[in-house]
Amino acid sequence: MTFRIYPADVIEENKWRAVNHGLDGKLIDFGKQQERPARELIAEVVDWFIDDVVDELGSRKEVAYAHTILQEGSSADRHLATFSETGRLQTVVSQLIEETNDLPQ
């Protein structure tokens, strides 16, 4: 299998889009030469690159969580929503502390 080498400026474009629009934005699918929803394209790339070795790597749980993030959003999405609703950074910090305390040890 070979991979295409794309110019740095088009890679940078997708990085810019990801940083500025997150999972709700669109990325450029270089193979199809069109914009696609970031969530769909990321899921496709993850599945295509690792699905056949995920069990061998012992990473099925982690990949499943990556798909959960793609479907439900990240902690950053939750924190931005909280700030948007309340306008208070203190509420976001409290939420972050609560989420961190709820993590399995």
C-alpha atoms as a PDB file:
ATOM      1  CA  MET A   1       0.000   0.000   0.000  1.00  0.00           C
ATOM      2  CA  THR A   2       1.229   3.466  -0.801  1.00  0.00           C
ATOM      3  CA  PHE A   3       0.135   6.825   0.470  1.00  0.00           C
ATOM      4  CA  ARG A   4      -0.174  10.009  -1.483  1.00  0.00           C
ATOM      5  CA  ILE A   5       1.953  12.921  -0.412  1.00  0.00           C
ATOM      6  CA  TYR A   6      -0.046  16.131  -0.236  1.00  0.00           C
ATOM      7  CA  PRO A   7       1.378  19.639  -0.236  1.00  0.00           C
ATOM      8  CA  ALA A   8       1.915  21.107   3.228  1.00  0.00           C
ATOM      9  CA  ASP A   9      -0.446  24.010   2.554  1.00  0.00           C
ATOM     10  CA  VAL A  10      -3.463  21.731   2.042  1.00  0.00           C
ATOM     11  CA  ILE A  11      -2.611  19.787   5.198  1.00  0.00           C
ATOM     12  CA  GLU A  12      -2.337  23.118   7.037  1.00  0.00           C
ATOM     13  CA  GLU A  13      -5.776  24.085   5.700  1.00  0.00           C
ATOM     14  CA  ASN A  14      -7.340  21.048   7.367  1.00  0.00           C
ATOM     15  CA  LYS A  15      -5.439  21.747  10.584  1.00  0.00           C
ATOM     16  CA  TRP A  16      -6.755  25.321  10.552  1.00  0.00           C
ATOM     17  CA  ARG A  17     -10.297  24.089   9.954  1.00  0.00           C
ATOM     18  CA  ALA A  18     -10.014  21.572  12.793  1.00  0.00           C
ATOM     19  CA  VAL A  19      -8.714  24.165  15.252  1.00  0.00           C
ATOM     20  CA  ASN A  20     -11.262  26.798  14.304  1.00  0.00           C
ATOM     21  CA  HIS A  21     -14.381  24.685  13.776  1.00  0.00           C
ATOM     22  CA  GLY A  22     -13.738  21.489  15.741  1.00  0.00           C
ATOM     23  CA  LEU A  23     -15.791  18.383  15.188  1.00  0.00           C
ATOM     24  CA  ASP A  24     -18.751  20.389  13.905  1.00  0.00           C
ATOM     25  CA  GLY A  25     -16.769  21.768  10.980  1.00  0.00           C
ATOM     26  CA  LYS A  26     -15.811  20.354   7.642  1.00  0.00           C
ATOM     27  CA  LEU A  27     -12.467  19.015   6.475  1.00  0.00           C
ATOM     28  CA  ILE A  28     -11.209  18.473   2.971  1.00  0.00           C
ATOM     29  CA  ASP A  29     -11.288  14.865   1.840  1.00  0.00           C
ATOM     30  CA  PHE A  30      -8.241  14.949  -0.396  1.00  0.00           C
ATOM     31  CA  GLY A  31      -9.108  11.680  -2.129  1.00  0.00           C
ATOM     32  CA  LYS A  32     -12.577  12.887  -3.121  1.00  0.00           C
ATOM     33  CA  GLN A  33     -11.494  16.516  -3.456  1.00  0.00           C
ATOM     34  CA  GLN A  34     -14.499  17.791  -1.527  1.00  0.00           C
ATOM     35  CA  GLU A  35     -15.472  19.024   1.913  1.00  0.00           C
ATOM     36  CA  ARG A  36     -16.934  16.498   4.324  1.00  0.00           C
ATOM     37  CA  PRO A  37     -18.179  16.711   7.891  1.00  0.00           C
ATOM     38  CA  ALA A  38     -15.179  16.351  10.208  1.00  0.00           C
ATOM     39  CA  ARG A  39     -16.838  13.676  12.322  1.00  0.00           C
ATOM     40  CA  GLU A  40     -17.497  11.446   9.297  1.00  0.00           C
ATOM     41  CA  LEU A  41     -14.062  11.874   7.788  1.00  0.00           C
ATOM     42  CA  ILE A  42     -12.247  11.255  11.078  1.00  0.00           C
ATOM     43  CA  ALA A  43     -14.290   8.102  11.753  1.00  0.00           C
ATOM     44  CA  GLU A  44     -13.565   6.841   8.261  1.00  0.00           C
ATOM     45  CA  VAL A  45      -9.834   7.459   8.579  1.00  0.00           C
ATOM     46  CA  VAL A  46      -9.627   5.849  12.030  1.00  0.00           C
ATOM     47  CA  ASP A  47     -11.532   2.786  10.877  1.00  0.00           C
ATOM     48  CA  TRP A  48      -9.611   2.484   7.632  1.00  0.00           C
ATOM     49  CA  PHE A  49      -6.179   2.780   9.234  1.00  0.00           C
ATOM     50  CA  ILE A  50      -6.570   0.678  12.351  1.00  0.00           C
ATOM     51  CA  ASP A  51      -9.711  -1.471  12.254  1.00  0.00           C
ATOM     52  CA  ASP A  52      -7.816  -4.525  11.082  1.00  0.00           C
ATOM     53  CA  VAL A  53      -5.229  -4.281  13.886  1.00  0.00           C
ATOM     54  CA  VAL A  54      -7.164  -2.729  16.785  1.00  0.00           C
ATOM     55  CA  ASP A  55      -7.617  -6.070  18.588  1.00  0.00           C
ATOM     56  CA  GLU A  56      -4.010  -7.026  17.991  1.00  0.00           C
ATOM     57  CA  LEU A  57      -2.994  -3.711  19.570  1.00  0.00           C
ATOM     58  CA  GLY A  58      -5.383  -4.245  22.481  1.00  0.00           C
ATOM     59  CA  SER A  59      -6.998  -0.870  21.811  1.00  0.00           C
ATOM     60  CA  ARG A  60     -10.624  -1.673  21.018  1.00  0.00           C
ATOM     61  CA  LYS A  61     -11.873   0.173  24.143  1.00  0.00           C
ATOM     62  CA  GLU A  62      -9.889   3.312  23.308  1.00  0.00           C
ATOM     63  CA  VAL A  63     -11.054   3.333  19.688  1.00  0.00           C
ATOM     64  CA  ALA A  64     -14.648   2.855  20.847  1.00  0.00           C
ATOM     65  CA  TYR A  65     -14.208   5.908  23.083  1.00  0.00           C
ATOM     66  CA  ALA A  66     -12.860   7.890  20.118  1.00  0.00           C
ATOM     67  CA  HIS A  67     -16.096   7.051  18.287  1.00  0.00           C
ATOM     68  CA  THR A  68     -18.073   8.168  21.360  1.00  0.00           C
ATOM     69  CA  ILE A  69     -16.290  11.525  21.211  1.00  0.00           C
ATOM     70  CA  LEU A  70     -17.101  11.812  17.508  1.00  0.00           C
ATOM     71  CA  GLN A  71     -20.788  11.152  18.213  1.00  0.00           C
ATOM     72  CA  GLU A  72     -21.276  13.080  21.460  1.00  0.00           C
ATOM     73  CA  GLY A  73     -18.495  15.669  21.396  1.00  0.00           C
ATOM     74  CA  SER A  74     -15.443  16.165  23.557  1.00  0.00           C
ATOM     75  CA  SER A  75     -15.041  17.610  27.026  1.00  0.00           C
ATOM     76  CA  ALA A  76     -14.134  20.885  25.329  1.00  0.00           C
ATOM     77  CA  ASP A  77     -17.530  20.848  23.607  1.00  0.00           C
ATOM     78  CA  ARG A  78     -19.249  20.338  26.977  1.00  0.00           C
ATOM     79  CA  HIS A  79     -17.220  23.142  28.570  1.00  0.00           C
ATOM     80  CA  LEU A  80     -17.948  25.562  25.739  1.00  0.00           C
ATOM     81  CA  ALA A  81     -21.654  24.741  25.983  1.00  0.00           C
ATOM     82  CA  THR A  82     -21.589  25.359  29.734  1.00  0.00           C
ATOM     83  CA  PHE A  83     -19.879  28.709  29.259  1.00  0.00           C
ATOM     84  CA  SER A  84     -22.319  29.627  26.507  1.00  0.00           C
ATOM     85  CA  GLU A  85     -25.252  28.808  28.805  1.00  0.00           C
ATOM     86  CA  THR A  86     -23.919  30.458  31.966  1.00  0.00           C
ATOM     87  CA  GLY A  87     -21.312  32.989  30.872  1.00  0.00           C
ATOM     88  CA  ARG A  88     -19.313  32.001  33.946  1.00  0.00           C
ATOM     89  CA  LEU A  89     -15.810  30.541  33.876  1.00  0.00           C
ATOM     90  CA  GLN A  90     -16.263  29.445  37.502  1.00  0.00           C
ATOM     91  CA  THR A  91     -19.080  27.123  36.397  1.00  0.00           C
ATOM     92  CA  VAL A  92     -16.841  25.659  33.688  1.00  0.00           C
ATOM     93  CA  VAL A  93     -14.020  25.118  36.198  1.00  0.00           C
ATOM     94  CA  SER A  94     -16.440  23.445  38.621  1.00  0.00           C
ATOM     95  CA  GLN A  95     -17.657  21.185  35.815  1.00  0.00           C
ATOM     96  CA  LEU A  96     -14.081  20.298  34.895  1.00  0.00           C
ATOM     97  CA  ILE A  97     -13.240  19.449  38.509  1.00  0.00           C
ATOM     98  CA  GLU A  98     -16.355  17.285  38.797  1.00  0.00           C
ATOM     99  CA  GLU A  99     -15.588  15.445  35.555  1.00  0.00           C
ATOM    100  CA  THR A 100     -11.988  14.886  36.635  1.00  0.00           C
ATOM    101  CA  ASN A 101     -13.072  13.511  40.013  1.00  0.00           C
ATOM    102  CA  ASP A 102     -15.449  11.110  38.253  1.00  0.00           C
ATOM    103  CA  LEU A 103     -12.640   9.514  36.200  1.00  0.00           C
ATOM    104  CA  PRO A 104     -11.842   5.896  37.062  1.00  0.00           C
ATOM    105  CA  GLN A 105      -8.738   5.527  39.193  1.00  0.00           C
END
